[in-house]
Amino acid sequence: MNIIVLSTGKNIYSTKRIVEAGQARGHRVSVMNHTHCYVVMDKGNLGVYYGDHMVTDVDAIVPRIGASVTFYGSSIIRQFEMKKVFTTVSSLALVRSRDKLRATQILAKNNVGIPKTAFAKFPRDVDNLIKEVGGAPLIVKLLEGTQGLGVVLAETRKAAKSVIEAFYGLKANILVQEFIEEANGADIRAFVIDNKVVAAYKRQGKEGEFRSNIHRGGSGHIIKLSRIEKEAAVKAAKALGLQIAGVDMLQSKKGPLILEVNSSPGLQGIEKATGIDVATKIIEYIERSTDQIANPKKDNIGH
């Protein structure tokens, strides 16, 4: 197969691993910077161009789209979709997952466990917001934040009110969320591929840090998930239409609570913590899916 990884850098760990895994299984795998692509549309024609040439004869794409270029990246994916090229993440699922508010609404609608969350536009609603999520301590999240940036723990009601009003003063869109104390600054990243958890690890924030992101100095180690935790991760990915996802969850007294569903999950943390070859599992998923599309009547029991 001819597989293209949409990524801004060939040397990014996740990109390199997917290329290596695909080539090891006999596929032609190349990297294309999606921010350097452009699309051309005419009656009955949809072209994707890279530099001065049209991109043709592509069997599958693996989008690794950064949060800052979600809109543009989704437009490139959509053009490939319209040309009947298989993609590991759909343009719609990418957009859904990147909008924290929209994703939270979808998860809640689909009965997925989440920390109680509130959203409002005006400062006059601050007292009610704090009350609705159970009071302080609470979490304030910027809708546009990634990798733990723009996430604040307000430990008292006074601090919560000050932080929320400050964000409103900056015209920022924020979510106010209950704080799950029993999580002890740790969360779980479950890697879901094709409606199955293929790997999982627990991320622990460094001392004094409530955010567990590896980018914030946290550490990770392999963990065996319970049946309920696996089901929650798969249900969350499915609700957002993602066949490949990094599902972040907290262990709470109420059971697993989903924090975020990442549509371009990194491979470095999960592979190093678990020793599992997740990149090859992604390639195997592409092989199964494209084979099923080419041979719809073929018996694919177990998948």
C-alpha atoms as a PDB file:
ATOM      1  CA  MET A   1       0.000   0.000   0.000  1.00  0.00           C
ATOM      2  CA  ASN A   2       0.921   3.638  -0.430  1.00  0.00           C
ATOM      3  CA  ILE A   3       0.441   5.310   2.953  1.00  0.00           C
ATOM      4  CA  ILE A   4       0.974   9.011   3.645  1.00  0.00           C
ATOM      5  CA  VAL A   5       1.533  10.360   7.147  1.00  0.00           C
ATOM      6  CA  LEU A   6       0.308  13.943   7.385  1.00  0.00           C
ATOM      7  CA  SER A   7       2.827  15.492   9.768  1.00  0.00           C
ATOM      8  CA  THR A   8       4.856  18.684  10.086  1.00  0.00           C
ATOM      9  CA  GLY A   9       8.087  16.824  10.805  1.00  0.00           C
ATOM     10  CA  LYS A  10       9.727  13.541   9.712  1.00  0.00           C
ATOM     11  CA  ASN A  11      11.757  13.375  12.918  1.00  0.00           C
ATOM     12  CA  ILE A  12       8.827  13.618  15.329  1.00  0.00           C
ATOM     13  CA  TYR A  13       8.825  10.387  17.365  1.00  0.00           C
ATOM     14  CA  SER A  14       5.257   9.334  16.483  1.00  0.00           C
ATOM     15  CA  THR A  15       5.746  10.083  12.789  1.00  0.00           C
ATOM     16  CA  LYS A  16       9.045   8.159  12.629  1.00  0.00           C
ATOM     17  CA  ARG A  17       7.531   5.147  14.377  1.00  0.00           C
ATOM     18  CA  ILE A  18       4.533   4.953  12.040  1.00  0.00           C
ATOM     19  CA  VAL A  19       6.828   5.203   8.998  1.00  0.00           C
ATOM     20  CA  GLU A  20       9.126   2.483  10.396  1.00  0.00           C
ATOM     21  CA  ALA A  21       6.211   0.184  11.256  1.00  0.00           C
ATOM     22  CA  GLY A  22       4.615   0.600   7.823  1.00  0.00           C
ATOM     23  CA  GLN A  23       7.855  -0.007   5.953  1.00  0.00           C
ATOM     24  CA  ALA A  24       8.593  -3.063   8.119  1.00  0.00           C
ATOM     25  CA  ARG A  25       5.294  -4.544   6.909  1.00  0.00           C
ATOM     26  CA  GLY A  26       6.181  -3.922   3.265  1.00  0.00           C
ATOM     27  CA  HIS A  27       4.276  -0.715   2.588  1.00  0.00           C
ATOM     28  CA  ARG A  28       5.433   2.460   0.891  1.00  0.00           C
ATOM     29  CA  VAL A  29       5.161   5.122   3.588  1.00  0.00           C
ATOM     30  CA  SER A  30       6.001   8.795   3.134  1.00  0.00           C
ATOM     31  CA  VAL A  31       5.572  11.961   5.199  1.00  0.00           C
ATOM     32  CA  MET A  32       3.793  15.000   3.841  1.00  0.00           C
ATOM     33  CA  ASN A  33       3.548  18.316   5.677  1.00  0.00           C
ATOM     34  CA  HIS A  34      -0.177  19.077   5.575  1.00  0.00           C
ATOM     35  CA  THR A  35       0.443  22.804   6.084  1.00  0.00           C
ATOM     36  CA  HIS A  36       2.272  22.778   2.723  1.00  0.00           C
ATOM     37  CA  CYS A  37      -0.623  21.024   0.960  1.00  0.00           C
ATOM     38  CA  TYR A  38      -3.425  22.819  -0.815  1.00  0.00           C
ATOM     39  CA  VAL A  39      -6.678  21.731  -2.384  1.00  0.00           C
ATOM     40  CA  VAL A  40      -8.175  22.602  -5.748  1.00  0.00           C
ATOM     41  CA  MET A  41     -11.830  22.093  -6.598  1.00  0.00           C
ATOM     42  CA  ASP A  42     -13.622  22.147  -9.911  1.00  0.00           C
ATOM     43  CA  LYS A  43     -16.853  20.616 -11.139  1.00  0.00           C
ATOM     44  CA  GLY A  44     -16.532  16.909 -10.387  1.00  0.00           C
ATOM     45  CA  ASN A  45     -12.837  17.250  -9.505  1.00  0.00           C
ATOM     46  CA  LEU A  46     -11.132  17.387  -6.121  1.00  0.00           C
ATOM     47  CA  GLY A  47      -7.356  17.649  -6.133  1.00  0.00           C
ATOM     48  CA  VAL A  48      -4.794  17.607  -3.329  1.00  0.00           C
ATOM     49  CA  TYR A  49      -1.508  19.266  -4.235  1.00  0.00           C
ATOM     50  CA  TYR A  50       1.888  19.215  -2.554  1.00  0.00           C
ATOM     51  CA  GLY A  51       4.226  21.779  -4.015  1.00  0.00           C
ATOM     52  CA  ASP A  52       3.772  21.764  -7.780  1.00  0.00           C
ATOM     53  CA  HIS A  53       2.299  18.285  -8.181  1.00  0.00           C
ATOM     54  CA  MET A  54      -1.003  16.559  -7.517  1.00  0.00           C
ATOM     55  CA  VAL A  55      -0.969  13.809  -4.906  1.00  0.00           C
ATOM     56  CA  THR A  56      -2.276  10.596  -6.500  1.00  0.00           C
ATOM     57  CA  ASP A  57      -2.446   6.837  -5.945  1.00  0.00           C
ATOM     58  CA  VAL A  58      -2.822   7.069  -2.173  1.00  0.00           C
ATOM     59  CA  ASP A  59      -4.348   4.102  -0.335  1.00  0.00           C
ATOM     60  CA  ALA A  60      -4.448   5.568   3.171  1.00  0.00           C
ATOM     61  CA  ILE A  61      -3.517   8.639   5.187  1.00  0.00           C
ATOM     62  CA  VAL A  62      -2.514   8.877   8.839  1.00  0.00           C
ATOM     63  CA  PRO A  63      -3.267  12.438   9.984  1.00  0.00           C
ATOM     64  CA  ARG A  64      -1.011  13.797  12.739  1.00  0.00           C
ATOM     65  CA  ILE A  65      -2.604  17.237  12.886  1.00  0.00           C
ATOM     66  CA  GLY A  66      -1.454  19.746  15.516  1.00  0.00           C
ATOM     67  CA  ALA A  67      -4.075  21.652  17.502  1.00  0.00           C
ATOM     68  CA  SER A  68      -3.005  25.021  16.060  1.00  0.00           C
ATOM     69  CA  VAL A  69      -3.862  23.940  12.496  1.00  0.00           C
ATOM     70  CA  THR A  70      -7.002  21.887  13.180  1.00  0.00           C
ATOM     71  CA  PHE A  71      -9.177  23.842  10.724  1.00  0.00           C
ATOM     72  CA  TYR A  72      -6.671  23.659   7.873  1.00  0.00           C
ATOM     73  CA  GLY A  73      -5.716  20.072   8.612  1.00  0.00           C
ATOM     74  CA  SER A  74      -9.348  18.962   8.639  1.00  0.00           C
ATOM     75  CA  SER A  75      -9.861  20.533   5.207  1.00  0.00           C
ATOM     76  CA  ILE A  76      -6.968  18.467   3.793  1.00  0.00           C
ATOM     77  CA  ILE A  77      -8.357  15.278   5.379  1.00  0.00           C
ATOM     78  CA  ARG A  78     -11.826  16.072   3.991  1.00  0.00           C
ATOM     79  CA  GLN A  79     -10.468  16.400   0.459  1.00  0.00           C
ATOM     80  CA  PHE A  80      -8.824  12.963   0.736  1.00  0.00           C
ATOM     81  CA  GLU A  81     -12.072  11.538   2.165  1.00  0.00           C
ATOM     82  CA  MET A  82     -14.020  12.875  -0.810  1.00  0.00           C
ATOM     83  CA  LYS A  83     -11.498  11.147  -3.071  1.00  0.00           C
ATOM     84  CA  LYS A  84     -12.324   7.857  -1.251  1.00  0.00           C
ATOM     85  CA  VAL A  85      -8.910   7.617   0.427  1.00  0.00           C
ATOM     86  CA  PHE A  86      -8.971   5.768   3.756  1.00  0.00           C
ATOM     87  CA  THR A  87      -8.047   7.902   6.773  1.00  0.00           C
ATOM     88  CA  THR A  88      -7.303   6.807  10.331  1.00  0.00           C
ATOM     89  CA  VAL A  89      -9.179   9.853  11.635  1.00  0.00           C
ATOM     90  CA  SER A  90     -12.096  11.493   9.884  1.00  0.00           C
ATOM     91  CA  SER A  91     -12.235  15.258   9.427  1.00  0.00           C
ATOM     92  CA  LEU A  92     -15.448  15.408  11.477  1.00  0.00           C
ATOM     93  CA  ALA A  93     -14.008  13.379  14.363  1.00  0.00           C
ATOM     94  CA  LEU A  94     -10.895  15.587  14.406  1.00  0.00           C
ATOM     95  CA  VAL A  95     -12.953  18.775  14.662  1.00  0.00           C
ATOM     96  CA  ARG A  96     -15.254  17.282  17.318  1.00  0.00           C
ATOM     97  CA  SER A  97     -12.399  16.107  19.525  1.00  0.00           C
ATOM     98  CA  ARG A  98     -10.467  19.382  19.312  1.00  0.00           C
ATOM     99  CA  ASP A  99     -13.403  21.463  20.539  1.00  0.00           C
ATOM    100  CA  LYS A 100     -13.308  20.726  24.294  1.00  0.00           C
ATOM    101  CA  LEU A 101     -16.821  22.054  24.878  1.00  0.00           C
ATOM    102  CA  ARG A 102     -18.359  20.176  21.961  1.00  0.00           C
ATOM    103  CA  ALA A 103     -16.541  16.979  22.936  1.00  0.00           C
ATOM    104  CA  THR A 104     -17.738  17.273  26.537  1.00  0.00           C
ATOM    105  CA  GLN A 105     -21.323  17.786  25.372  1.00  0.00           C
ATOM    106  CA  ILE A 106     -21.116  14.719  23.103  1.00  0.00           C
ATOM    107  CA  LEU A 107     -19.623  12.554  25.865  1.00  0.00           C
ATOM    108  CA  ALA A 108     -22.319  13.617  28.337  1.00  0.00           C
ATOM    109  CA  LYS A 109     -25.066  12.934  25.785  1.00  0.00           C
ATOM    110  CA  ASN A 110     -23.681   9.418  25.247  1.00  0.00           C
ATOM    111  CA  ASN A 111     -23.682   8.624  28.990  1.00  0.00           C
ATOM    112  CA  VAL A 112     -19.902   8.653  29.277  1.00  0.00           C
ATOM    113  CA  GLY A 113     -18.627   9.456  32.781  1.00  0.00           C
ATOM    114  CA  ILE A 114     -16.995  12.909  32.974  1.00  0.00           C
ATOM    115  CA  PRO A 115     -16.144  15.349  35.781  1.00  0.00           C
ATOM    116  CA  LYS A 116     -19.099  17.699  36.269  1.00  0.00           C
ATOM    117  CA  THR A 117     -18.467  20.618  33.912  1.00  0.00           C
ATOM    118  CA  ALA A 118     -19.991  24.068  33.417  1.00  0.00           C
ATOM    119  CA  PHE A 119     -19.640  26.722  30.719  1.00  0.00           C
ATOM    120  CA  ALA A 120     -20.889  30.305  30.636  1.00  0.00           C
ATOM    121  CA  LYS A 121     -20.153  33.529  28.796  1.00  0.00           C
ATOM    122  CA  PHE A 122     -20.788  36.260  31.357  1.00  0.00           C
ATOM    123  CA  PRO A 123     -19.052  37.110  34.677  1.00  0.00           C
ATOM    124  CA  ARG A 124     -22.390  37.437  36.462  1.00  0.00           C
ATOM    125  CA  ASP A 125     -22.717  33.643  36.306  1.00  0.00           C
ATOM    126  CA  VAL A 126     -19.526  32.980  38.319  1.00  0.00           C
ATOM    127  CA  ASP A 127     -21.173  32.166  41.661  1.00  0.00           C
ATOM    128  CA  ASN A 128     -23.589  29.732  40.028  1.00  0.00           C
ATOM    129  CA  LEU A 129     -20.794  28.074  38.045  1.00  0.00           C
ATOM    130  CA  ILE A 130     -18.770  27.450  41.202  1.00  0.00           C
ATOM    131  CA  LYS A 131     -21.815  26.091  43.003  1.00  0.00           C
ATOM    132  CA  GLU A 132     -22.854  23.767  40.145  1.00  0.00           C
ATOM    133  CA  VAL A 133     -19.489  21.954  40.011  1.00  0.00           C
ATOM    134  CA  GLY A 134     -19.484  21.369  43.772  1.00  0.00           C
ATOM    135  CA  GLY A 135     -17.549  24.419  44.934  1.00  0.00           C
ATOM    136  CA  ALA A 136     -13.810  24.816  45.472  1.00  0.00           C
ATOM    137  CA  PRO A 137     -11.334  23.356  44.867  1.00  0.00           C
ATOM    138  CA  LEU A 138     -12.148  23.287  41.173  1.00  0.00           C
ATOM    139  CA  ILE A 139     -10.448  23.271  37.779  1.00  0.00           C
ATOM    140  CA  VAL A 140     -10.583  26.098  35.234  1.00  0.00           C
ATOM    141  CA  LYS A 141      -9.649  25.132  31.648  1.00  0.00           C
ATOM    142  CA  LEU A 142      -9.023  27.257  28.609  1.00  0.00           C
ATOM    143  CA  LEU A 143     -10.913  25.755  25.675  1.00  0.00           C
ATOM    144  CA  GLU A 144      -7.877  26.268  23.441  1.00  0.00           C
ATOM    145  CA  GLY A 145      -5.281  24.820  25.838  1.00  0.00           C
ATOM    146  CA  THR A 146      -3.194  21.699  25.100  1.00  0.00           C
ATOM    147  CA  GLN A 147      -0.686  19.520  26.982  1.00  0.00           C
ATOM    148  CA  GLY A 148      -1.851  20.872  30.339  1.00  0.00           C
ATOM    149  CA  LEU A 149      -1.375  24.537  29.386  1.00  0.00           C
ATOM    150  CA  GLY A 150      -4.271  26.808  30.323  1.00  0.00           C
ATOM    151  CA  VAL A 151      -5.416  24.507  33.157  1.00  0.00           C
ATOM    152  CA  VAL A 152      -5.648  26.090  36.618  1.00  0.00           C
ATOM    153  CA  LEU A 153      -6.468  24.565  40.008  1.00  0.00           C
ATOM    154  CA  ALA A 154      -8.354  27.063  42.182  1.00  0.00           C
ATOM    155  CA  GLU A 155      -8.142  25.796  45.742  1.00  0.00           C
ATOM    156  CA  THR A 156     -10.567  28.226  47.407  1.00  0.00           C
ATOM    157  CA  ARG A 157     -13.842  29.846  46.385  1.00  0.00           C
ATOM    158  CA  LYS A 158     -12.173  33.274  46.456  1.00  0.00           C
ATOM    159  CA  ALA A 159      -9.330  32.071  44.205  1.00  0.00           C
ATOM    160  CA  ALA A 160     -11.820  30.380  41.864  1.00  0.00           C
ATOM    161  CA  LYS A 161     -13.828  33.573  41.493  1.00  0.00           C
ATOM    162  CA  SER A 162     -10.674  35.627  40.823  1.00  0.00           C
ATOM    163  CA  VAL A 163      -9.334  33.193  38.197  1.00  0.00           C
ATOM    164  CA  ILE A 164     -12.678  32.881  36.385  1.00  0.00           C
ATOM    165  CA  GLU A 165     -13.232  36.653  36.357  1.00  0.00           C
ATOM    166  CA  ALA A 166      -9.675  37.205  35.097  1.00  0.00           C
ATOM    167  CA  PHE A 167     -10.237  34.819  32.168  1.00  0.00           C
ATOM    168  CA  TYR A 168     -13.564  36.505  31.387  1.00  0.00           C
ATOM    169  CA  GLY A 169     -11.750  39.860  31.432  1.00  0.00           C
ATOM    170  CA  LEU A 170      -9.422  38.517  28.742  1.00  0.00           C
ATOM    171  CA  LYS A 171     -12.459  37.405  26.697  1.00  0.00           C
ATOM    172  CA  ALA A 172     -11.252  33.793  26.976  1.00  0.00           C
ATOM    173  CA  ASN A 173     -13.585  30.810  26.665  1.00  0.00           C
ATOM    174  CA  ILE A 174     -13.266  28.532  29.672  1.00  0.00           C
ATOM    175  CA  LEU A 175     -14.718  25.404  31.225  1.00  0.00           C
ATOM    176  CA  VAL A 176     -15.192  25.131  34.979  1.00  0.00           C
ATOM    177  CA  GLN A 177     -14.855  21.568  36.217  1.00  0.00           C
ATOM    178  CA  GLU A 178     -15.094  19.679  39.487  1.00  0.00           C
ATOM    179  CA  PHE A 179     -11.790  18.668  41.060  1.00  0.00           C
ATOM    180  CA  ILE A 180     -11.349  14.927  41.633  1.00  0.00           C
ATOM    181  CA  GLU A 181      -9.202  14.912  44.772  1.00  0.00           C
ATOM    182  CA  GLU A 182      -8.897  11.134  45.052  1.00  0.00           C
ATOM    183  CA  ALA A 183      -7.060  11.000  41.694  1.00  0.00           C
ATOM    184  CA  ASN A 184      -4.010  12.392  43.561  1.00  0.00           C
ATOM    185  CA  GLY A 185      -2.569  14.201  40.541  1.00  0.00           C
ATOM    186  CA  ALA A 186      -2.609  11.074  38.356  1.00  0.00           C
ATOM    187  CA  ASP A 187      -4.556  10.058  35.287  1.00  0.00           C
ATOM    188  CA  ILE A 188      -4.664   7.156  32.840  1.00  0.00           C
ATOM    189  CA  ARG A 189      -3.978   7.313  29.102  1.00  0.00           C
ATOM    190  CA  ALA A 190      -5.699   4.444  27.294  1.00  0.00           C
ATOM    191  CA  PHE A 191      -4.777   3.987  23.638  1.00  0.00           C
ATOM    192  CA  VAL A 192      -7.798   2.820  21.646  1.00  0.00           C
ATOM    193  CA  ILE A 193      -7.520   1.330  18.157  1.00  0.00           C
ATOM    194  CA  ASP A 194     -10.510  -0.103  16.293  1.00  0.00           C
ATOM    195  CA  ASN A 195     -12.779  -0.207  19.387  1.00  0.00           C
ATOM    196  CA  LYS A 196     -10.191  -1.945  21.554  1.00  0.00           C
ATOM    197  CA  VAL A 197      -7.744  -0.726  24.209  1.00  0.00           C
ATOM    198  CA  VAL A 198      -4.322  -1.872  22.949  1.00  0.00           C
ATOM    199  CA  ALA A 199      -2.164  -0.218  25.637  1.00  0.00           C
ATOM    200  CA  ALA A 200      -2.544   1.892  28.760  1.00  0.00           C
ATOM    201  CA  TYR A 201      -0.336   3.645  31.269  1.00  0.00           C
ATOM    202  CA  LYS A 202      -0.774   5.730  34.390  1.00  0.00           C
ATOM    203  CA  ARG A 203       0.692   9.222  34.419  1.00  0.00           C
ATOM    204  CA  GLN A 204       1.652  10.745  37.756  1.00  0.00           C
ATOM    205  CA  GLY A 205       2.264  14.463  38.144  1.00  0.00           C
ATOM    206  CA  LYS A 206       5.468  15.524  39.844  1.00  0.00           C
ATOM    207  CA  GLU A 207       5.204  16.466  43.512  1.00  0.00           C
ATOM    208  CA  GLY A 208       3.061  19.544  44.045  1.00  0.00           C
ATOM    209  CA  GLU A 209       1.674  19.349  40.470  1.00  0.00           C
ATOM    210  CA  PHE A 210      -1.973  18.401  39.879  1.00  0.00           C
ATOM    211  CA  ARG A 211      -1.441  18.024  36.109  1.00  0.00           C
ATOM    212  CA  SER A 212      -0.048  14.645  35.097  1.00  0.00           C
ATOM    213  CA  ASN A 213       1.031  15.484  31.519  1.00  0.00           C
ATOM    214  CA  ILE A 214       4.446  14.116  30.576  1.00  0.00           C
ATOM    215  CA  HIS A 215       5.088  17.548  28.989  1.00  0.00           C
ATOM    216  CA  ARG A 216       4.668  19.054  32.478  1.00  0.00           C
ATOM    217  CA  GLY A 217       7.301  16.759  33.996  1.00  0.00           C
ATOM    218  CA  GLY A 218       5.038  13.863  34.930  1.00  0.00           C
ATOM    219  CA  SER A 219       6.103  10.218  34.854  1.00  0.00           C
ATOM    220  CA  GLY A 220       4.365   7.144  33.436  1.00  0.00           C
ATOM    221  CA  HIS A 221       4.177   3.413  34.112  1.00  0.00           C
ATOM    222  CA  ILE A 222       2.189   0.543  32.628  1.00  0.00           C
ATOM    223  CA  ILE A 223      -1.181  -0.243  34.199  1.00  0.00           C
ATOM    224  CA  LYS A 224      -3.732  -3.025  33.784  1.00  0.00           C
ATOM    225  CA  LEU A 225      -7.165  -1.510  33.273  1.00  0.00           C
ATOM    226  CA  SER A 226     -10.344  -2.885  34.767  1.00  0.00           C
ATOM    227  CA  ARG A 227     -13.134  -4.006  32.450  1.00  0.00           C
ATOM    228  CA  ILE A 228     -15.113  -0.868  33.342  1.00  0.00           C
ATOM    229  CA  GLU A 229     -12.150   1.390  32.516  1.00  0.00           C
ATOM    230  CA  LYS A 230     -11.617  -0.323  29.153  1.00  0.00           C
ATOM    231  CA  GLU A 231     -15.319  -0.001  28.339  1.00  0.00           C
ATOM    232  CA  ALA A 232     -15.291   3.703  29.281  1.00  0.00           C
ATOM    233  CA  ALA A 233     -12.290   4.395  27.009  1.00  0.00           C
ATOM    234  CA  VAL A 234     -13.829   2.579  24.034  1.00  0.00           C
ATOM    235  CA  LYS A 235     -17.223   4.239  24.601  1.00  0.00           C
ATOM    236  CA  ALA A 236     -15.622   7.701  24.693  1.00  0.00           C
ATOM    237  CA  ALA A 237     -13.664   7.140  21.467  1.00  0.00           C
ATOM    238  CA  LYS A 238     -16.737   5.730  19.752  1.00  0.00           C
ATOM    239  CA  ALA A 239     -18.917   8.666  20.857  1.00  0.00           C
ATOM    240  CA  LEU A 240     -16.571  11.073  19.053  1.00  0.00           C
ATOM    241  CA  GLY A 241     -16.234   8.837  15.989  1.00  0.00           C
ATOM    242  CA  LEU A 242     -12.542   8.080  16.583  1.00  0.00           C
ATOM    243  CA  GLN A 243     -11.052   4.725  15.595  1.00  0.00           C
ATOM    244  CA  ILE A 244      -7.646   5.737  16.948  1.00  0.00           C
ATOM    245  CA  ALA A 245      -7.603   7.778  20.146  1.00  0.00           C
ATOM    246  CA  GLY A 246      -5.721   8.520  23.313  1.00  0.00           C
ATOM    247  CA  VAL A 247      -8.368   8.585  26.036  1.00  0.00           C
ATOM    248  CA  ASP A 248      -7.392  10.360  29.258  1.00  0.00           C
ATOM    249  CA  MET A 249      -9.358   9.406  32.363  1.00  0.00           C
ATOM    250  CA  LEU A 250      -9.332   9.794  36.124  1.00  0.00           C
ATOM    251  CA  GLN A 251      -9.909   7.045  38.655  1.00  0.00           C
ATOM    252  CA  SER A 252     -12.619   8.338  40.983  1.00  0.00           C
ATOM    253  CA  LYS A 253     -15.089   7.140  43.617  1.00  0.00           C
ATOM    254  CA  LYS A 254     -17.738   7.339  40.879  1.00  0.00           C
ATOM    255  CA  GLY A 255     -15.720   5.149  38.509  1.00  0.00           C
ATOM    256  CA  PRO A 256     -13.624   6.236  35.497  1.00  0.00           C
ATOM    257  CA  LEU A 257     -14.172   9.852  34.428  1.00  0.00           C
ATOM    258  CA  ILE A 258     -13.066  10.938  30.965  1.00  0.00           C
ATOM    259  CA  LEU A 259     -10.985  14.116  30.834  1.00  0.00           C
ATOM    260  CA  GLU A 260     -10.162  14.284  27.135  1.00  0.00           C
ATOM    261  CA  VAL A 261     -10.152  12.214  23.967  1.00  0.00           C
ATOM    262  CA  ASN A 262      -7.091  12.967  21.834  1.00  0.00           C
ATOM    263  CA  SER A 263      -7.404  12.448  18.081  1.00  0.00           C
ATOM    264  CA  SER A 264      -3.620  12.617  17.416  1.00  0.00           C
ATOM    265  CA  PRO A 265      -2.223  10.832  20.469  1.00  0.00           C
ATOM    266  CA  GLY A 266       1.544  10.707  20.789  1.00  0.00           C
ATOM    267  CA  LEU A 267       3.265   7.318  20.747  1.00  0.00           C
ATOM    268  CA  GLN A 268       6.401   8.091  22.720  1.00  0.00           C
ATOM    269  CA  GLY A 269       4.904   8.053  26.214  1.00  0.00           C
ATOM    270  CA  ILE A 270       2.732   4.976  25.696  1.00  0.00           C
ATOM    271  CA  GLU A 271       5.384   2.900  23.898  1.00  0.00           C
ATOM    272  CA  LYS A 272       8.151   3.726  26.382  1.00  0.00           C
ATOM    273  CA  ALA A 273       5.970   3.119  29.437  1.00  0.00           C
ATOM    274  CA  THR A 274       4.383  -0.125  28.212  1.00  0.00           C
ATOM    275  CA  GLY A 275       6.891  -1.608  25.757  1.00  0.00           C
ATOM    276  CA  ILE A 276       3.985  -2.208  23.361  1.00  0.00           C
ATOM    277  CA  ASP A 277       4.525  -1.583  19.640  1.00  0.00           C
ATOM    278  CA  VAL A 278       1.528   0.702  19.140  1.00  0.00           C
ATOM    279  CA  ALA A 279       2.783   1.962  15.756  1.00  0.00           C
ATOM    280  CA  THR A 280       2.531  -1.532  14.247  1.00  0.00           C
ATOM    281  CA  LYS A 281      -0.980  -1.913  15.666  1.00  0.00           C
ATOM    282  CA  ILE A 282      -1.946   1.278  13.788  1.00  0.00           C
ATOM    283  CA  ILE A 283      -0.589  -0.164  10.532  1.00  0.00           C
ATOM    284  CA  GLU A 284      -2.418  -3.458  11.153  1.00  0.00           C
ATOM    285  CA  TYR A 285      -5.638  -1.492  11.646  1.00  0.00           C
ATOM    286  CA  ILE A 286      -5.101   0.254   8.291  1.00  0.00           C
ATOM    287  CA  GLU A 287      -4.487  -3.123   6.615  1.00  0.00           C
ATOM    288  CA  ARG A 288      -7.702  -4.622   8.051  1.00  0.00           C
ATOM    289  CA  SER A 289      -9.789  -1.587   7.180  1.00  0.00           C
ATOM    290  CA  THR A 290      -8.591  -1.143   3.609  1.00  0.00           C
ATOM    291  CA  ASP A 291      -8.937  -4.892   3.012  1.00  0.00           C
ATOM    292  CA  GLN A 292     -12.499  -4.798   4.309  1.00  0.00           C
ATOM    293  CA  ILE A 293     -13.324  -1.841   2.041  1.00  0.00           C
ATOM    294  CA  ALA A 294     -11.824  -3.642  -0.973  1.00  0.00           C
ATOM    295  CA  ASN A 295     -13.527  -6.935  -0.066  1.00  0.00           C
ATOM    296  CA  PRO A 296     -16.794  -6.012   1.709  1.00  0.00           C
ATOM    297  CA  LYS A 297     -18.111  -9.582   1.625  1.00  0.00           C
ATOM    298  CA  LYS A 298     -14.959 -11.023   3.146  1.00  0.00           C
ATOM    299  CA  ASP A 299     -15.435 -12.642   6.536  1.00  0.00           C
ATOM    300  CA  ASN A 300     -13.733 -10.431   9.126  1.00  0.00           C
ATOM    301  CA  ILE A 301     -14.743 -12.266  12.270  1.00  0.00           C
ATOM    302  CA  GLY A 302     -13.067 -10.810  15.352  1.00  0.00           C
ATOM    303  CA  HIS A 303     -12.718  -7.325  13.916  1.00  0.00           C
END
